[in-house]
N, C-alpha and C. Protein backbone atom coordinates (compact mmCIF):
# COMPACT_ATOMS: atom_id res chain seq x y z
N UNK A 1 79.46 59.85 90.16
CA UNK A 1 80.65 60.18 89.40
C UNK A 1 81.30 58.88 88.93
N UNK A 2 81.55 58.79 87.65
CA UNK A 2 82.23 57.63 87.09
C UNK A 2 83.73 57.86 87.12
N UNK A 3 84.44 56.89 87.67
CA UNK A 3 85.89 56.96 87.75
C UNK A 3 86.47 56.14 86.62
N UNK A 4 87.40 56.74 85.88
CA UNK A 4 88.02 56.03 84.78
C UNK A 4 89.15 55.14 85.28
N UNK A 5 89.56 54.21 84.45
CA UNK A 5 90.69 53.34 84.79
C UNK A 5 91.95 54.18 84.99
N UNK A 6 92.11 55.20 84.17
CA UNK A 6 93.28 56.07 84.31
C UNK A 6 93.30 56.75 85.67
N UNK A 7 92.14 57.23 86.11
CA UNK A 7 92.06 57.90 87.41
C UNK A 7 92.34 56.92 88.55
N UNK A 8 91.82 55.70 88.43
CA UNK A 8 92.09 54.68 89.44
C UNK A 8 93.57 54.34 89.50
N UNK A 9 94.19 54.18 88.34
CA UNK A 9 95.61 53.85 88.28
C UNK A 9 96.44 54.98 88.89
N UNK A 10 96.09 56.22 88.57
CA UNK A 10 96.83 57.36 89.11
C UNK A 10 96.67 57.44 90.63
N UNK A 11 95.46 57.19 91.10
CA UNK A 11 95.21 57.22 92.54
C UNK A 11 96.02 56.13 93.25
N UNK A 12 96.05 54.94 92.68
CA UNK A 12 96.82 53.85 93.31
C UNK A 12 98.31 54.14 93.25
N UNK A 13 98.78 54.74 92.16
CA UNK A 13 100.19 55.10 92.06
C UNK A 13 100.58 56.09 93.15
N UNK A 14 99.71 57.06 93.41
CA UNK A 14 99.98 58.04 94.47
C UNK A 14 100.02 57.35 95.83
N UNK A 15 99.07 56.45 96.06
CA UNK A 15 99.03 55.70 97.32
C UNK A 15 100.30 54.89 97.50
N UNK A 16 100.71 54.17 96.46
CA UNK A 16 101.91 53.34 96.55
C UNK A 16 103.17 54.19 96.76
N UNK A 17 103.19 55.37 96.16
CA UNK A 17 104.33 56.27 96.34
C UNK A 17 104.43 56.69 97.81
N UNK A 18 103.30 57.06 98.39
CA UNK A 18 103.28 57.47 99.80
C UNK A 18 103.68 56.30 100.71
N UNK A 19 103.12 55.14 100.46
CA UNK A 19 103.45 53.94 101.25
C UNK A 19 104.93 53.60 101.12
N UNK A 20 105.44 53.67 99.92
CA UNK A 20 106.84 53.36 99.65
C UNK A 20 107.77 54.29 100.43
N UNK A 21 107.41 55.57 100.49
CA UNK A 21 108.23 56.53 101.23
C UNK A 21 108.38 56.10 102.69
N UNK A 22 107.30 55.71 103.32
CA UNK A 22 107.34 55.31 104.73
C UNK A 22 108.12 54.00 104.92
N UNK A 23 107.94 53.07 104.00
CA UNK A 23 108.66 51.80 104.11
C UNK A 23 110.16 52.02 103.97
N UNK A 24 110.56 52.88 103.04
CA UNK A 24 111.99 53.14 102.82
C UNK A 24 112.61 53.82 104.04
N UNK A 25 111.87 54.73 104.67
CA UNK A 25 112.38 55.36 105.90
C UNK A 25 112.57 54.30 106.98
N UNK A 26 111.58 53.44 107.16
CA UNK A 26 111.68 52.37 108.16
C UNK A 26 112.84 51.44 107.84
N UNK A 27 113.03 51.15 106.57
CA UNK A 27 114.13 50.28 106.15
C UNK A 27 115.47 50.93 106.50
N UNK A 28 115.61 52.20 106.22
CA UNK A 28 116.86 52.90 106.50
C UNK A 28 117.16 52.96 107.99
N UNK A 29 116.16 53.29 108.78
CA UNK A 29 116.36 53.36 110.24
C UNK A 29 116.65 51.97 110.81
N UNK A 30 115.98 50.96 110.29
CA UNK A 30 116.23 49.59 110.73
C UNK A 30 117.64 49.14 110.39
N UNK A 31 118.10 49.52 109.20
CA UNK A 31 119.45 49.15 108.78
C UNK A 31 120.50 49.80 109.68
N UNK A 32 120.27 51.05 110.04
CA UNK A 32 121.20 51.74 110.94
C UNK A 32 121.22 51.06 112.31
N UNK A 33 120.05 50.75 112.84
CA UNK A 33 119.96 50.08 114.14
C UNK A 33 120.62 48.71 114.10
N UNK A 34 120.37 47.95 113.03
CA UNK A 34 120.94 46.61 112.91
C UNK A 34 122.46 46.67 112.84
N UNK A 35 122.99 47.58 112.02
CA UNK A 35 124.45 47.71 111.93
C UNK A 35 125.04 48.10 113.29
N UNK A 36 124.35 49.01 113.98
CA UNK A 36 124.84 49.43 115.30
C UNK A 36 124.89 48.28 116.28
N UNK A 37 123.85 47.47 116.30
CA UNK A 37 123.83 46.33 117.21
C UNK A 37 124.87 45.28 116.83
N UNK A 38 125.00 45.03 115.52
CA UNK A 38 125.94 44.00 115.07
C UNK A 38 127.40 44.40 115.32
N UNK A 39 127.69 45.68 115.22
CA UNK A 39 129.08 46.12 115.37
C UNK A 39 129.44 46.53 116.79
N UNK A 40 128.45 46.58 117.66
CA UNK A 40 128.72 47.07 119.02
C UNK A 40 129.57 46.10 119.82
N UNK A 41 129.47 44.83 119.53
CA UNK A 41 130.22 43.84 120.30
C UNK A 41 129.73 43.75 121.73
N UNK A 42 128.59 44.34 121.99
CA UNK A 42 128.02 44.34 123.35
C UNK A 42 127.42 42.97 123.64
N UNK A 43 127.96 42.32 124.63
CA UNK A 43 127.49 40.99 124.98
C UNK A 43 126.13 41.03 125.67
N UNK A 44 125.68 42.23 126.04
CA UNK A 44 124.37 42.37 126.68
C UNK A 44 123.23 42.31 125.67
N UNK A 45 123.57 42.46 124.38
CA UNK A 45 122.53 42.42 123.35
C UNK A 45 122.13 40.97 123.11
N UNK A 46 120.87 40.71 123.29
CA UNK A 46 120.32 39.37 123.09
C UNK A 46 120.37 39.04 121.59
N UNK A 47 121.04 37.96 121.20
CA UNK A 47 121.12 37.60 119.78
C UNK A 47 119.75 37.44 119.12
N UNK A 48 118.74 37.09 119.89
CA UNK A 48 117.41 36.95 119.30
C UNK A 48 116.84 38.30 118.87
N UNK A 49 117.30 39.38 119.52
CA UNK A 49 116.86 40.72 119.13
C UNK A 49 117.43 41.05 117.75
N UNK A 50 118.69 40.73 117.54
CA UNK A 50 119.32 40.96 116.23
C UNK A 50 118.63 40.11 115.18
N UNK A 51 118.33 38.88 115.51
CA UNK A 51 117.64 37.98 114.56
C UNK A 51 116.27 38.55 114.18
N UNK A 52 115.54 39.06 115.16
CA UNK A 52 114.22 39.63 114.87
C UNK A 52 114.33 40.88 114.02
N UNK A 53 115.34 41.69 114.27
CA UNK A 53 115.55 42.89 113.46
C UNK A 53 115.94 42.51 112.03
N UNK A 54 116.73 41.46 111.88
CA UNK A 54 117.08 40.98 110.54
C UNK A 54 115.83 40.50 109.80
N UNK A 55 114.95 39.80 110.49
CA UNK A 55 113.70 39.34 109.87
C UNK A 55 112.83 40.53 109.47
N UNK A 56 112.82 41.54 110.32
CA UNK A 56 112.06 42.75 110.01
C UNK A 56 112.62 43.43 108.76
N UNK A 57 113.94 43.49 108.65
CA UNK A 57 114.58 44.09 107.47
C UNK A 57 114.24 43.29 106.21
N UNK A 58 114.27 41.97 106.32
CA UNK A 58 113.91 41.13 105.18
C UNK A 58 112.47 41.38 104.75
N UNK A 59 111.57 41.52 105.72
CA UNK A 59 110.17 41.78 105.40
C UNK A 59 110.01 43.13 104.71
N UNK A 60 110.73 44.15 105.19
CA UNK A 60 110.66 45.47 104.55
C UNK A 60 111.21 45.41 103.12
N UNK A 61 112.29 44.67 102.93
CA UNK A 61 112.85 44.53 101.58
C UNK A 61 111.85 43.86 100.64
N UNK A 62 111.13 42.86 101.14
CA UNK A 62 110.11 42.19 100.33
C UNK A 62 108.96 43.14 100.01
N UNK A 63 108.56 43.94 101.00
CA UNK A 63 107.48 44.91 100.76
C UNK A 63 107.88 45.92 99.69
N UNK A 64 109.12 46.37 99.73
CA UNK A 64 109.60 47.31 98.72
C UNK A 64 109.54 46.66 97.35
N UNK A 65 109.92 45.40 97.26
CA UNK A 65 109.85 44.68 95.98
C UNK A 65 108.43 44.56 95.47
N UNK A 66 107.49 44.26 96.36
CA UNK A 66 106.09 44.13 95.98
C UNK A 66 105.54 45.47 95.49
N UNK A 67 105.88 46.54 96.19
CA UNK A 67 105.42 47.88 95.79
C UNK A 67 105.99 48.24 94.42
N UNK A 68 107.26 47.94 94.19
CA UNK A 68 107.89 48.24 92.89
C UNK A 68 107.20 47.46 91.76
N UNK A 69 106.89 46.20 92.01
CA UNK A 69 106.21 45.39 91.00
C UNK A 69 104.84 45.98 90.67
N UNK A 70 104.11 46.37 91.71
CA UNK A 70 102.77 46.93 91.50
C UNK A 70 102.84 48.25 90.76
N UNK A 71 103.82 49.07 91.11
CA UNK A 71 103.98 50.36 90.42
C UNK A 71 104.28 50.14 88.94
N UNK A 72 105.09 49.14 88.62
CA UNK A 72 105.40 48.84 87.23
C UNK A 72 104.15 48.42 86.48
N UNK A 73 103.30 47.63 87.12
CA UNK A 73 102.04 47.22 86.50
C UNK A 73 101.16 48.43 86.24
N UNK A 74 101.07 49.32 87.22
CA UNK A 74 100.23 50.51 87.05
C UNK A 74 100.77 51.43 85.97
N UNK A 75 102.08 51.56 85.88
CA UNK A 75 102.68 52.36 84.80
C UNK A 75 102.32 51.75 83.45
N UNK A 76 102.36 50.44 83.38
CA UNK A 76 102.02 49.74 82.14
C UNK A 76 100.57 49.98 81.76
N UNK A 77 99.68 49.89 82.74
CA UNK A 77 98.25 50.13 82.47
C UNK A 77 98.04 51.55 82.01
N UNK A 78 98.69 52.48 82.68
CA UNK A 78 98.54 53.89 82.36
C UNK A 78 99.05 54.18 80.95
N UNK A 79 100.17 53.58 80.56
CA UNK A 79 100.73 53.79 79.22
C UNK A 79 99.86 53.19 78.14
N UNK A 80 99.18 52.08 78.43
CA UNK A 80 98.31 51.43 77.44
C UNK A 80 97.02 52.20 77.21
N UNK A 81 96.57 52.94 78.22
CA UNK A 81 95.28 53.63 78.10
C UNK A 81 95.41 55.04 77.57
N UNK A 82 96.64 55.52 77.41
CA UNK A 82 96.82 56.89 76.91
C UNK A 82 96.73 56.92 75.40
C-alpha cells in the first residue's frame, strides 16, 4: 500500500493532537501542584522540590511550543497539497 504525503501528514497531526492533550493535562496538574506548594508557606517543603517542579513545568511549556510548531508545519504541508 502506497501512503500519500497527505495521509502521512494527517496521521502525524492526529498523533501530535493526542500527545498534546496529555502534555496539557500534565502541565495543568503540575501548575496546580506548584502553586499549592509555593503558597503553602510550609517550611517542611524542600525548596529543591519546588525548583524541580518549576523545571518540569518549563520543560512541558517547551514541549507544547514544539508540538505547536510542528502542527503548523503539517497544516502548511496539508494546505499546499490540496
